[in-house]
C-alpha atoms as a PDB file:
ATOM      1  CA  MET A   1       0.131   0.296  -0.017  1.00  0.00           C
ATOM      2  CA  THR A   2       2.949   2.388   0.900  1.00  0.00           C
ATOM      3  CA  LEU A   3       4.601   1.349  -2.115  1.00  0.00           C
ATOM      4  CA  ASN A   4       1.626   2.101  -4.270  1.00  0.00           C
ATOM      5  CA  LEU A   5       0.710   5.527  -2.671  1.00  0.00           C
ATOM      6  CA  HIS A   6       4.502   6.593  -3.430  1.00  0.00           C
ATOM      7  CA  ALA A   7       4.321   5.483  -7.203  1.00  0.00           C
ATOM      8  CA  VAL A   8       0.977   7.320  -7.190  1.00  0.00           C
ATOM      9  CA  LEU A   9       2.348  10.972  -5.766  1.00  0.00           C
ATOM     10  CA  GLU A  10       5.526  10.251  -7.940  1.00  0.00           C
ATOM     11  CA  THR A  11       3.186  10.254 -10.860  1.00  0.00           C
ATOM     12  CA  LEU A  12       1.044  13.006 -10.034  1.00  0.00           C
ATOM     13  CA  GLY A  13       4.369  15.087  -9.097  1.00  0.00           C
ATOM     14  CA  PHE A  14       5.571  14.653 -12.622  1.00  0.00           C
ATOM     15  CA  THR A  15       2.869  14.836 -14.280  1.00  0.00           C
ATOM     16  CA  ALA A  16       1.692  18.231 -12.453  1.00  0.00           C
ATOM     17  CA  THR A  17       5.589  19.376 -13.141  1.00  0.00           C
ATOM     18  CA  PHE A  18       6.155  18.957 -16.847  1.00  0.00           C
ATOM     19  CA  LEU A  19       2.383  20.332 -17.440  1.00  0.00           C
ATOM     20  CA  LEU A  20       2.575  23.233 -15.468  1.00  0.00           C
ATOM     21  CA  LEU A  21       6.323  24.106 -14.949  1.00  0.00           C
ATOM     22  CA  PRO A  22       7.116  25.185 -18.686  1.00  0.00           C
ATOM     23  CA  PRO A  23       4.840  28.515 -18.822  1.00  0.00           C
ATOM     24  CA  LEU A  24       6.515  29.456 -15.323  1.00  0.00           C
ATOM     25  CA  ILE A  25       9.612  29.114 -16.347  1.00  0.00           C
ATOM     26  CA  VAL A  26       9.402  31.852 -19.236  1.00  0.00           C
ATOM     27  CA  GLY A  27       7.424  33.572 -17.042  1.00  0.00           C
ATOM     28  CA  VAL A  28      10.598  33.875 -14.426  1.00  0.00           C
ATOM     29  CA  ILE A  29      12.758  34.610 -17.412  1.00  0.00           C
ATOM     30  CA  ARG A  30      10.546  37.763 -18.485  1.00  0.00           C
ATOM     31  CA  LYS A  31       9.776  38.890 -14.854  1.00  0.00           C
ATOM     32  CA  THR A  32      13.698  39.025 -13.967  1.00  0.00           C
ATOM     33  CA  LYS A  33      14.386  40.646 -17.291  1.00  0.00           C
ATOM     34  CA  ALA A  34      12.147  43.144 -16.239  1.00  0.00           C
ATOM     35  CA  ARG A  35      13.148  44.006 -12.845  1.00  0.00           C
ATOM     36  CA  PHE A  36      16.727  44.405 -14.502  1.00  0.00           C
ATOM     37  CA  GLN A  37      15.533  47.039 -16.494  1.00  0.00           C
ATOM     38  CA  ASN A  38      13.583  48.788 -13.696  1.00  0.00           C
ATOM     39  CA  ARG A  39      10.535  47.669 -14.896  1.00  0.00           C
ATOM     40  CA  ILE A  40       7.599  46.114 -13.017  1.00  0.00           C
ATOM     41  CA  GLY A  41       6.891  43.628 -15.831  1.00  0.00           C
ATOM     42  CA  ALA A  42       4.391  41.292 -16.416  1.00  0.00           C
ATOM     43  CA  PRO A  43       2.774  38.861 -13.681  1.00  0.00           C
ATOM     44  CA  VAL A  44       4.840  35.614 -13.701  1.00  0.00           C
ATOM     45  CA  LEU A  45       1.650  33.681 -14.521  1.00  0.00           C
ATOM     46  CA  GLN A  46       1.239  35.710 -17.758  1.00  0.00           C
ATOM     47  CA  PRO A  47       2.660  32.861 -20.162  1.00  0.00           C
ATOM     48  CA  TYR A  48      -0.402  30.995 -18.649  1.00  0.00           C
ATOM     49  CA  TYR A  49      -3.093  33.763 -19.400  1.00  0.00           C
ATOM     50  CA  ASP A  50      -1.271  33.955 -23.126  1.00  0.00           C
ATOM     51  CA  LEU A  51      -1.864  30.420 -23.920  1.00  0.00           C
ATOM     52  CA  LEU A  52      -5.305  30.417 -22.579  1.00  0.00           C
ATOM     53  CA  LYS A  53      -6.092  33.774 -24.682  1.00  0.00           C
ATOM     54  CA  LEU A  54      -4.540  32.400 -27.512  1.00  0.00           C
ATOM     55  CA  LEU A  55      -6.751  29.084 -27.435  1.00  0.00           C
ATOM     56  CA  SER A  56     -10.043  31.127 -27.552  1.00  0.00           C
ATOM     57  CA  LYS A  57      -9.011  33.184 -30.699  1.00  0.00           C
ATOM     58  CA  SER A  58     -10.182  32.378 -34.541  1.00  0.00           C
ATOM     59  CA  GLU A  59      -7.616  31.161 -36.844  1.00  0.00           C
ATOM     60  CA  THR A  60      -5.946  32.958 -39.719  1.00  0.00           C
ATOM     61  CA  ILE A  61      -4.264  30.181 -42.059  1.00  0.00           C
ATOM     62  CA  SER A  62      -2.455  31.168 -45.369  1.00  0.00           C
ATOM     63  CA  LYS A  63      -3.876  29.502 -48.273  1.00  0.00           C
ATOM     64  CA  HIS A  64      -0.745  28.499 -49.317  1.00  0.00           C
ATOM     65  CA  THR A  65      -0.176  26.313 -46.666  1.00  0.00           C
ATOM     66  CA  SER A  66      -0.439  22.217 -46.548  1.00  0.00           C
ATOM     67  CA  TRP A  67      -0.824  19.361 -44.108  1.00  0.00           C
ATOM     68  CA  ILE A  68       2.695  19.902 -42.843  1.00  0.00           C
ATOM     69  CA  PHE A  69       1.795  23.180 -41.823  1.00  0.00           C
ATOM     70  CA  ARG A  70      -1.145  22.086 -39.725  1.00  0.00           C
ATOM     71  CA  SER A  71      -0.061  19.296 -38.225  1.00  0.00           C
ATOM     72  CA  THR A  72       3.278  20.617 -37.332  1.00  0.00           C
ATOM     73  CA  ALA A  73       2.161  21.838 -33.772  1.00  0.00           C
ATOM     74  CA  ALA A  74       0.423  18.702 -32.527  1.00  0.00           C
ATOM     75  CA  VAL A  75       3.334  16.334 -33.850  1.00  0.00           C
ATOM     76  CA  ASN A  76       5.927  18.577 -32.105  1.00  0.00           C
ATOM     77  CA  LEU A  77       3.867  18.982 -28.879  1.00  0.00           C
ATOM     78  CA  SER A  78       3.405  14.888 -28.932  1.00  0.00           C
ATOM     79  CA  MET A  79       7.136  14.145 -29.455  1.00  0.00           C
ATOM     80  CA  LEU A  80       8.454  16.628 -26.851  1.00  0.00           C
ATOM     81  CA  ILE A  81       5.650  14.996 -24.450  1.00  0.00           C
ATOM     82  CA  ILE A  82       7.327  11.703 -25.059  1.00  0.00           C
ATOM     83  CA  LEU A  83      11.026  12.979 -24.467  1.00  0.00           C
ATOM     84  CA  ALA A  84       9.709  14.542 -21.374  1.00  0.00           C
ATOM     85  CA  PHE A  85       8.967  11.060 -20.335  1.00  0.00           C
ATOM     86  CA  LEU A  86      12.392   9.889 -21.556  1.00  0.00           C
ATOM     87  CA  ALA A  87      14.903  12.528 -21.099  1.00  0.00           C
ATOM     88  CA  PRO A  88      16.512  12.800 -17.701  1.00  0.00           C
ATOM     89  CA  TRP A  89      15.618  16.360 -17.094  1.00  0.00           C
ATOM     90  CA  THR A  90      14.433  15.566 -13.404  1.00  0.00           C
ATOM     91  CA  SER A  91      15.649  13.081 -10.958  1.00  0.00           C
ATOM     92  CA  PHE A  92      12.002  11.598 -10.247  1.00  0.00           C
ATOM     93  CA  ARG A  93      10.499   9.933 -12.975  1.00  0.00           C
ATOM     94  CA  PRO A  94       7.225   7.596 -12.600  1.00  0.00           C
ATOM     95  CA  PHE A  95       8.203   5.209 -15.066  1.00  0.00           C
ATOM     96  CA  ASP A  96      11.253   3.297 -15.571  1.00  0.00           C
ATOM     97  CA  LEU A  97      11.525   3.887 -19.098  1.00  0.00           C
ATOM     98  CA  ALA A  98      14.637   3.378 -21.019  1.00  0.00           C
ATOM     99  CA  SER A  99      15.893   6.296 -22.596  1.00  0.00           C
ATOM    100  CA  ASP A 100      18.419   5.602 -25.517  1.00  0.00           C
ATOM    101  CA  LEU A 101      21.012   8.350 -25.989  1.00  0.00           C
ATOM    102  CA  PHE A 102      20.808   8.411 -29.726  1.00  0.00           C
ATOM    103  CA  LEU A 103      16.959   8.302 -29.785  1.00  0.00           C
ATOM    104  CA  VAL A 104      16.846  11.521 -27.235  1.00  0.00           C
ATOM    105  CA  ILE A 105      19.013  13.503 -29.617  1.00  0.00           C
ATOM    106  CA  TYR A 106      17.044  12.189 -32.855  1.00  0.00           C
ATOM    107  CA  LEU A 107      13.801  13.331 -31.262  1.00  0.00           C
ATOM    108  CA  LEU A 108      14.979  16.661 -30.518  1.00  0.00           C
ATOM    109  CA  ALA A 109      16.222  16.978 -34.649  1.00  0.00           C
ATOM    110  CA  LEU A 110      12.964  15.697 -35.733  1.00  0.00           C
ATOM    111  CA  THR A 111      11.084  18.400 -33.839  1.00  0.00           C
ATOM    112  CA  ARG A 112      13.862  20.827 -35.531  1.00  0.00           C
ATOM    113  CA  PHE A 113      12.922  19.525 -38.694  1.00  0.00           C
ATOM    114  CA  PHE A 114       9.346  19.465 -38.691  1.00  0.00           C
ATOM    115  CA  THR A 115       9.529  23.619 -37.417  1.00  0.00           C
ATOM    116  CA  VAL A 116      11.727  24.017 -40.342  1.00  0.00           C
ATOM    117  CA  LEU A 117       9.286  22.103 -42.741  1.00  0.00           C
ATOM    118  CA  SER A 118       6.607  24.129 -41.488  1.00  0.00           C
ATOM    119  CA  ALA A 119       8.447  27.517 -42.018  1.00  0.00           C
ATOM    120  CA  LEU A 120       9.396  26.493 -45.369  1.00  0.00           C
ATOM    121  CA  ASP A 121       5.703  25.353 -45.932  1.00  0.00           C
ATOM    122  CA  ALA A 122       4.231  28.687 -45.452  1.00  0.00           C
ATOM    123  CA  GLY A 123       6.147  30.244 -48.301  1.00  0.00           C
ATOM    124  CA  SER A 124       6.864  33.612 -46.278  1.00  0.00           C
ATOM    125  CA  ALA A 125      10.695  34.957 -47.007  1.00  0.00           C
ATOM    126  CA  PHE A 126      10.621  35.523 -42.926  1.00  0.00           C
ATOM    127  CA  GLY A 127      10.132  31.668 -42.472  1.00  0.00           C
ATOM    128  CA  GLY A 128      12.767  30.743 -45.212  1.00  0.00           C
ATOM    129  CA  PHE A 129      15.101  32.935 -43.522  1.00  0.00           C
ATOM    130  CA  GLY A 130      14.775  32.035 -40.092  1.00  0.00           C
ATOM    131  CA  ALA A 131      14.625  28.040 -41.039  1.00  0.00           C
ATOM    132  CA  SER A 132      18.102  28.476 -43.416  1.00  0.00           C
ATOM    133  CA  ARG A 133      19.566  29.987 -39.848  1.00  0.00           C
ATOM    134  CA  GLU A 134      17.911  27.588 -37.970  1.00  0.00           C
ATOM    135  CA  VAL A 135      19.557  24.672 -39.368  1.00  0.00           C
ATOM    136  CA  THR A 136      23.133  26.175 -39.477  1.00  0.00           C
ATOM    137  CA  LEU A 137      23.200  26.579 -36.084  1.00  0.00           C
ATOM    138  CA  ALA A 138      21.973  23.312 -35.613  1.00  0.00           C
ATOM    139  CA  LEU A 139      24.904  21.723 -37.780  1.00  0.00           C
ATOM    140  CA  LEU A 140      27.365  23.642 -35.318  1.00  0.00           C
ATOM    141  CA  VAL A 141      25.897  22.816 -31.954  1.00  0.00           C
ATOM    142  CA  GLU A 142      24.797  19.496 -32.059  1.00  0.00           C
ATOM    143  CA  PRO A 143      28.306  17.859 -31.640  1.00  0.00           C
ATOM    144  CA  SER A 144      28.678  19.567 -28.696  1.00  0.00           C
ATOM    145  CA  VAL A 145      25.483  18.003 -27.117  1.00  0.00           C
ATOM    146  CA  ILE A 146      25.885  14.584 -28.726  1.00  0.00           C
ATOM    147  CA  LEU A 147      29.643  14.380 -27.227  1.00  0.00           C
ATOM    148  CA  CYS A 148      28.862  15.785 -23.776  1.00  0.00           C
ATOM    149  CA  LEU A 149      26.183  12.962 -23.273  1.00  0.00           C
ATOM    150  CA  ALA A 150      28.124  10.282 -25.027  1.00  0.00           C
ATOM    151  CA  SER A 151      31.191  11.084 -22.795  1.00  0.00           C
ATOM    152  CA  LEU A 152      28.791  10.339 -19.777  1.00  0.00           C
ATOM    153  CA  GLY A 153      27.445   7.366 -21.222  1.00  0.00           C
ATOM    154  CA  SER A 154      31.255   6.156 -22.262  1.00  0.00           C
ATOM    155  CA  VAL A 155      32.456   6.220 -18.418  1.00  0.00           C
ATOM    156  CA  SER A 156      28.968   4.351 -17.529  1.00  0.00           C
ATOM    157  CA  GLN A 157      29.382   1.791 -20.629  1.00  0.00           C
ATOM    158  CA  SER A 158      25.735   2.447 -21.561  1.00  0.00           C
ATOM    159  CA  SER A 159      23.519   4.686 -23.980  1.00  0.00           C
ATOM    160  CA  ASP A 160      20.624   4.194 -21.724  1.00  0.00           C
ATOM    161  CA  LEU A 161      20.246   8.056 -19.880  1.00  0.00           C
ATOM    162  CA  ALA A 162      17.834   6.613 -17.259  1.00  0.00           C
ATOM    163  CA  PHE A 163      20.903   4.738 -16.159  1.00  0.00           C
ATOM    164  CA  VAL A 164      23.521   7.141 -16.612  1.00  0.00           C
ATOM    165  CA  PHE A 165      21.604   9.747 -14.849  1.00  0.00           C
ATOM    166  CA  SER A 166      20.443   7.392 -11.697  1.00  0.00           C
ATOM    167  CA  PHE A 167      22.118   8.139  -8.964  1.00  0.00           C
ATOM    168  CA  LYS A 168      23.092   4.454  -8.293  1.00  0.00           C
ATOM    169  CA  ASN A 169      25.322   4.676 -11.330  1.00  0.00           C
ATOM    170  CA  MET A 170      28.687   4.203  -9.148  1.00  0.00           C
ATOM    171  CA  GLU A 171      30.663   4.171 -12.232  1.00  0.00           C
ATOM    172  CA  LEU A 172      29.994   8.326 -12.338  1.00  0.00           C
ATOM    173  CA  LEU A 173      29.906   8.918  -8.477  1.00  0.00           C
ATOM    174  CA  ASN A 174      33.411  10.411  -8.016  1.00  0.00           C
ATOM    175  CA  GLN A 175      33.309  12.584 -11.381  1.00  0.00           C
ATOM    176  CA  PRO A 176      32.540  16.019 -10.349  1.00  0.00           C
ATOM    177  CA  GLY A 177      34.647  17.587 -13.276  1.00  0.00           C
ATOM    178  CA  LEU A 178      32.875  15.529 -15.978  1.00  0.00           C
ATOM    179  CA  TRP A 179      29.400  16.137 -15.144  1.00  0.00           C
ATOM    180  CA  PHE A 180      30.035  19.859 -14.247  1.00  0.00           C
ATOM    181  CA  LEU A 181      31.950  20.488 -17.632  1.00  0.00           C
ATOM    182  CA  ALA A 182      28.986  18.412 -19.434  1.00  0.00           C
ATOM    183  CA  GLY A 183      26.594  20.410 -17.364  1.00  0.00           C
ATOM    184  CA  CYS A 184      27.906  24.131 -18.414  1.00  0.00           C
ATOM    185  CA  GLY A 185      28.583  22.580 -22.099  1.00  0.00           C
ATOM    186  CA  LEU A 186      24.945  21.536 -22.272  1.00  0.00           C
ATOM    187  CA  PHE A 187      23.647  24.763 -20.914  1.00  0.00           C
ATOM    188  CA  LEU A 188      25.705  27.255 -23.354  1.00  0.00           C
ATOM    189  CA  ALA A 189      24.552  24.605 -26.462  1.00  0.00           C
ATOM    190  CA  SER A 190      20.749  25.126 -24.659  1.00  0.00           C
ATOM    191  CA  LEU A 191      20.987  29.007 -25.426  1.00  0.00           C
ATOM    192  CA  VAL A 192      21.678  28.426 -29.066  1.00  0.00           C
ATOM    193  CA  GLU A 193      19.046  25.535 -29.397  1.00  0.00           C
ATOM    194  CA  LEU A 194      16.517  27.255 -27.888  1.00  0.00           C
ATOM    195  CA  SER A 195      17.498  30.672 -29.772  1.00  0.00           C
ATOM    196  CA  ARG A 196      18.488  32.844 -26.547  1.00  0.00           C
ATOM    197  CA  MET A 197      20.919  35.664 -25.745  1.00  0.00           C
ATOM    198  CA  PRO A 198      23.683  35.879 -27.429  1.00  0.00           C
ATOM    199  CA  ALA A 199      22.432  33.334 -30.504  1.00  0.00           C
ATOM    200  CA  ASP A 200      19.246  35.237 -30.576  1.00  0.00           C
ATOM    201  CA  ASP A 201      16.691  37.952 -29.034  1.00  0.00           C
ATOM    202  CA  PRO A 202      13.584  36.437 -28.550  1.00  0.00           C
ATOM    203  CA  THR A 203      11.957  39.466 -27.930  1.00  0.00           C
ATOM    204  CA  THR A 204      12.819  41.307 -31.355  1.00  0.00           C
ATOM    205  CA  HIS A 205      10.997  40.862 -34.771  1.00  0.00           C
ATOM    206  CA  LEU A 206      13.474  42.692 -36.624  1.00  0.00           C
ATOM    207  CA  GLU A 207      14.490  40.847 -39.694  1.00  0.00           C
ATOM    208  CA  LEU A 208      18.106  40.623 -38.788  1.00  0.00           C
ATOM    209  CA  THR A 209      17.781  39.016 -35.763  1.00  0.00           C
ATOM    210  CA  MET A 210      14.993  36.845 -35.662  1.00  0.00           C
ATOM    211  CA  VAL A 211      15.761  32.814 -36.003  1.00  0.00           C
ATOM    212  CA  HIS A 212      13.012  30.869 -33.943  1.00  0.00           C
ATOM    213  CA  GLU A 213      10.136  33.793 -33.837  1.00  0.00           C
ATOM    214  CA  ALA A 214      10.684  34.071 -37.852  1.00  0.00           C
ATOM    215  CA  MET A 215       9.884  30.521 -38.214  1.00  0.00           C
ATOM    216  CA  ILE A 216       6.335  30.568 -36.329  1.00  0.00           C
ATOM    217  CA  LEU A 217       5.286  33.877 -37.595  1.00  0.00           C
ATOM    218  CA  GLU A 218       2.513  32.286 -39.782  1.00  0.00           C
ATOM    219  CA  ASN A 219       0.683  30.555 -36.658  1.00  0.00           C
ATOM    220  CA  SER A 220      -2.156  32.115 -34.984  1.00  0.00           C
ATOM    221  CA  ALA A 221      -4.642  31.414 -32.574  1.00  0.00           C
ATOM    222  CA  ALA A 222      -4.698  27.422 -30.975  1.00  0.00           C
ATOM    223  CA  ASN A 223      -1.610  26.737 -33.699  1.00  0.00           C
ATOM    224  CA  LEU A 224       0.162  29.556 -31.885  1.00  0.00           C
ATOM    225  CA  ALA A 225      -0.391  28.015 -28.459  1.00  0.00           C
ATOM    226  CA  LEU A 226       0.448  24.716 -29.304  1.00  0.00           C
ATOM    227  CA  VAL A 227       3.623  25.993 -30.746  1.00  0.00           C
ATOM    228  CA  GLU A 228       4.603  28.127 -27.771  1.00  0.00           C
ATOM    229  CA  TYR A 229       3.824  25.486 -25.483  1.00  0.00           C
ATOM    230  CA  SER A 230       5.883  23.454 -27.256  1.00  0.00           C
ATOM    231  CA  HIS A 231       9.031  25.816 -26.967  1.00  0.00           C
ATOM    232  CA  PHE A 232       8.340  26.288 -23.374  1.00  0.00           C
ATOM    233  CA  LEU A 233       8.356  22.744 -23.003  1.00  0.00           C
ATOM    234  CA  LYS A 234      11.743  22.457 -24.854  1.00  0.00           C
ATOM    235  CA  ILE A 235      12.960  25.038 -22.901  1.00  0.00           C
ATOM    236  CA  LEU A 236      12.090  22.591 -19.386  1.00  0.00           C
ATOM    237  CA  ILE A 237      13.821  19.369 -20.965  1.00  0.00           C
ATOM    238  CA  LEU A 238      17.117  21.186 -22.258  1.00  0.00           C
ATOM    239  CA  LEU A 239      17.520  23.405 -18.776  1.00  0.00           C
ATOM    240  CA  GLY A 240      16.566  19.944 -17.146  1.00  0.00           C
ATOM    241  CA  ILE A 241      19.105  18.236 -18.225  1.00  0.00           C
ATOM    242  CA  SER A 242      21.574  20.806 -17.807  1.00  0.00           C
ATOM    243  CA  SER A 243      20.594  21.083 -14.140  1.00  0.00           C
ATOM    244  CA  GLN A 244      21.101  17.093 -13.643  1.00  0.00           C
ATOM    245  CA  CYS A 245      24.350  17.397 -14.682  1.00  0.00           C
ATOM    246  CA  LEU A 246      25.534  20.005 -12.355  1.00  0.00           C
ATOM    247  CA  LEU A 247      23.484  18.546  -9.316  1.00  0.00           C
ATOM    248  CA  HIS A 248      25.271  15.262  -9.997  1.00  0.00           C
ATOM    249  CA  ALA A 249      28.540  17.242  -9.635  1.00  0.00           C
ATOM    250  CA  VAL A 250      27.548  17.765  -6.201  1.00  0.00           C
ATOM    251  CA  PRO A 251      28.172  14.828  -3.770  1.00  0.00           C
ATOM    252  CA  TYR A 252      25.879  15.664  -1.381  1.00  0.00           C
ATOM    253  CA  PHE A 253      23.022  14.839  -4.041  1.00  0.00           C
ATOM    254  CA  TRP A 254      24.033  11.349  -4.332  1.00  0.00           C
ATOM    255  CA  HIS A 255      23.102  10.620  -1.054  1.00  0.00           C
ATOM    256  CA  SER A 256      20.595  12.365  -0.068  1.00  0.00           C
ATOM    257  CA  THR A 257      16.477  11.659   0.203  1.00  0.00           C
ATOM    258  CA  GLU A 258      14.498  11.541  -3.073  1.00  0.00           C
ATOM    259  CA  LEU A 259      12.435  14.414  -1.767  1.00  0.00           C
ATOM    260  CA  ILE A 260      15.405  16.778  -1.389  1.00  0.00           C
ATOM    261  CA  ARG A 261      16.488  15.445  -5.111  1.00  0.00           C
ATOM    262  CA  ALA A 262      13.080  16.504  -6.618  1.00  0.00           C
ATOM    263  CA  GLY A 263      13.313  19.664  -5.020  1.00  0.00           C
ATOM    264  CA  ALA A 264      16.657  20.466  -5.900  1.00  0.00           C
ATOM    265  CA  SER A 265      15.783  19.415  -9.357  1.00  0.00           C
ATOM    266  CA  ILE A 266      13.265  22.008  -9.929  1.00  0.00           C
ATOM    267  CA  ALA A 267      15.028  24.922  -7.854  1.00  0.00           C
ATOM    268  CA  CYS A 268      18.125  24.318 -10.260  1.00  0.00           C
ATOM    269  CA  ILE A 269      15.633  24.663 -13.440  1.00  0.00           C
ATOM    270  CA  LEU A 270      14.109  27.899 -12.152  1.00  0.00           C
ATOM    271  CA  LEU A 271      17.728  28.903 -10.994  1.00  0.00           C
ATOM    272  CA  MET A 272      18.979  28.153 -14.394  1.00  0.00           C
ATOM    273  CA  ALA A 273      16.119  30.450 -15.906  1.00  0.00           C
ATOM    274  CA  VAL A 274      16.988  33.321 -13.821  1.00  0.00           C
ATOM    275  CA  SER A 275      20.425  32.753 -15.228  1.00  0.00           C
ATOM    276  CA  ILE A 276      19.132  33.077 -18.642  1.00  0.00           C
ATOM    277  CA  ALA A 277      17.272  36.314 -17.631  1.00  0.00           C
ATOM    278  CA  VAL A 278      20.743  38.184 -16.078  1.00  0.00           C
ATOM    279  CA  ILE A 279      22.734  37.059 -19.493  1.00  0.00           C
ATOM    280  CA  GLU A 280      20.302  38.610 -21.859  1.00  0.00           C
ATOM    281  CA  SER A 281      19.944  41.397 -19.188  1.00  0.00           C
ATOM    282  CA  VAL A 282      23.946  41.903 -19.337  1.00  0.00           C
ATOM    283  CA  ALA A 283      24.943  40.861 -22.912  1.00  0.00           C
ATOM    284  CA  VAL A 284      24.374  41.677 -26.514  1.00  0.00           C
ATOM    285  CA  LYS A 285      23.060  39.514 -29.506  1.00  0.00           C
ATOM    286  CA  LEU A 286      26.521  38.359 -31.134  1.00  0.00           C
ATOM    287  CA  ARG A 287      26.771  39.278 -34.749  1.00  0.00           C
ATOM    288  CA  TRP A 288      25.893  36.085 -36.967  1.00  0.00           C
ATOM    289  CA  THR A 289      29.768  35.755 -38.027  1.00  0.00           C
ATOM    290  CA  LYS A 290      30.403  35.793 -34.320  1.00  0.00           C
ATOM    291  CA  LEU A 291      28.073  32.699 -33.365  1.00  0.00           C
ATOM    292  CA  PRO A 292      30.547  30.101 -34.075  1.00  0.00           C
ATOM    293  CA  GLU A 293      33.100  31.470 -31.648  1.00  0.00           C
ATOM    294  CA  PHE A 294      30.560  32.053 -28.810  1.00  0.00           C
ATOM    295  CA  ILE A 295      29.448  27.734 -29.957  1.00  0.00           C
ATOM    296  CA  ALA A 296      33.045  27.222 -29.798  1.00  0.00           C
ATOM    297  CA  TYR A 297      32.929  27.071 -25.902  1.00  0.00           C
ATOM    298  CA  SER A 298      30.570  24.686 -25.568  1.00  0.00           C
ATOM    299  CA  VAL A 299      32.313  22.621 -28.268  1.00  0.00           C
ATOM    300  CA  ALA A 300      35.745  22.817 -26.172  1.00  0.00           C
ATOM    301  CA  MET A 301      33.855  22.115 -23.109  1.00  0.00           C
ATOM    302  CA  SER A 302      32.384  19.119 -24.477  1.00  0.00           C
ATOM    303  CA  ILE A 303      35.686  17.875 -25.924  1.00  0.00           C
ATOM    304  CA  PHE A 304      37.438  18.202 -22.311  1.00  0.00           C
ATOM    305  CA  CYS A 305      34.440  15.849 -21.350  1.00  0.00           C
ATOM    306  CA  VAL A 306      35.906  13.626 -24.386  1.00  0.00           C
ATOM    307  CA  PHE A 307      39.382  13.443 -23.024  1.00  0.00           C
ATOM    308  CA  ILE A 308      37.754  12.805 -19.385  1.00  0.00           C
ATOM    309  CA  ALA A 309      35.966   9.856 -20.375  1.00  0.00           C
ATOM    310  CA  LEU A 310      38.875   8.393 -22.149  1.00  0.00           C
ATOM    311  CA  GLY A 311      41.025   8.811 -19.419  1.00  0.00           C
ATOM    312  CA  LYS A 312      39.027   7.240 -16.794  1.00  0.00           C
ATOM    313  CA  ASN A 313      37.970   4.225 -19.775  1.00  0.00           C
ATOM    314  CA  LEU A 314      41.956   3.649 -20.063  1.00  0.00           C
ATOM    315  CA  ASN A 315      42.492   3.425 -16.266  1.00  0.00           C
END
């Protein structure tokens, strides 16, 4: 009876977290940025209100779009919900599902693929412009993400991220440097993956700066609500994986209780959201030609992770 109650509470907590936390993360980012600019800013819960407002509006669709445009929002949301159950973005997961490293990477790439297809399907100049930049950034940053996760898997002798990020994985118990470098590398890569500063300014609608926003300009009403929530969920997953790496770098959390780990997981994600807001408040958007130099920091950290993993395996 106790085990069943524990499983039910864990399932309810997990479901509530991945359904309700994504808009809250965005609300925290916007509120923190507003305070840095000496503004009161919108309420932290404003993203929830925006999603509800979009769901109640009537939709406008270009006559040039096909089924690709109509289905992309639902397909991406479905894949990201699957990722929420597979990816190790939190320490508490109700179902013991295997999450192969390459399956997670391919699902993330597939969501980008459908987003790019949808932008091109609308036939707008902005859509093609943003899609071109999105694919270019993905080509540069994906090696960093793969190498960081593959280094952890190499030391664990497994590509199952559920096992790699398990606190019972003794192979990575005494590797705080590897965890820290992987977490920092994934965080920098997430800024590019999520089109945040200094890679992209999500609050602008200028042609020379848009990446993600340019690809979703043709969406409206309920379709736009699904697109926005999918992006919020992607923020949760990527920041969650980075935060788990950083938490694993702290020896205390390996021996703490499940409740402490769960609270720390959520707190670390929100702390990363605040960090993004701070970065976007004090930094400027880099010129397009300078972005490879910024991505190189993430790639360098991933290469250091590879060296550490090779040294561990040779020993």
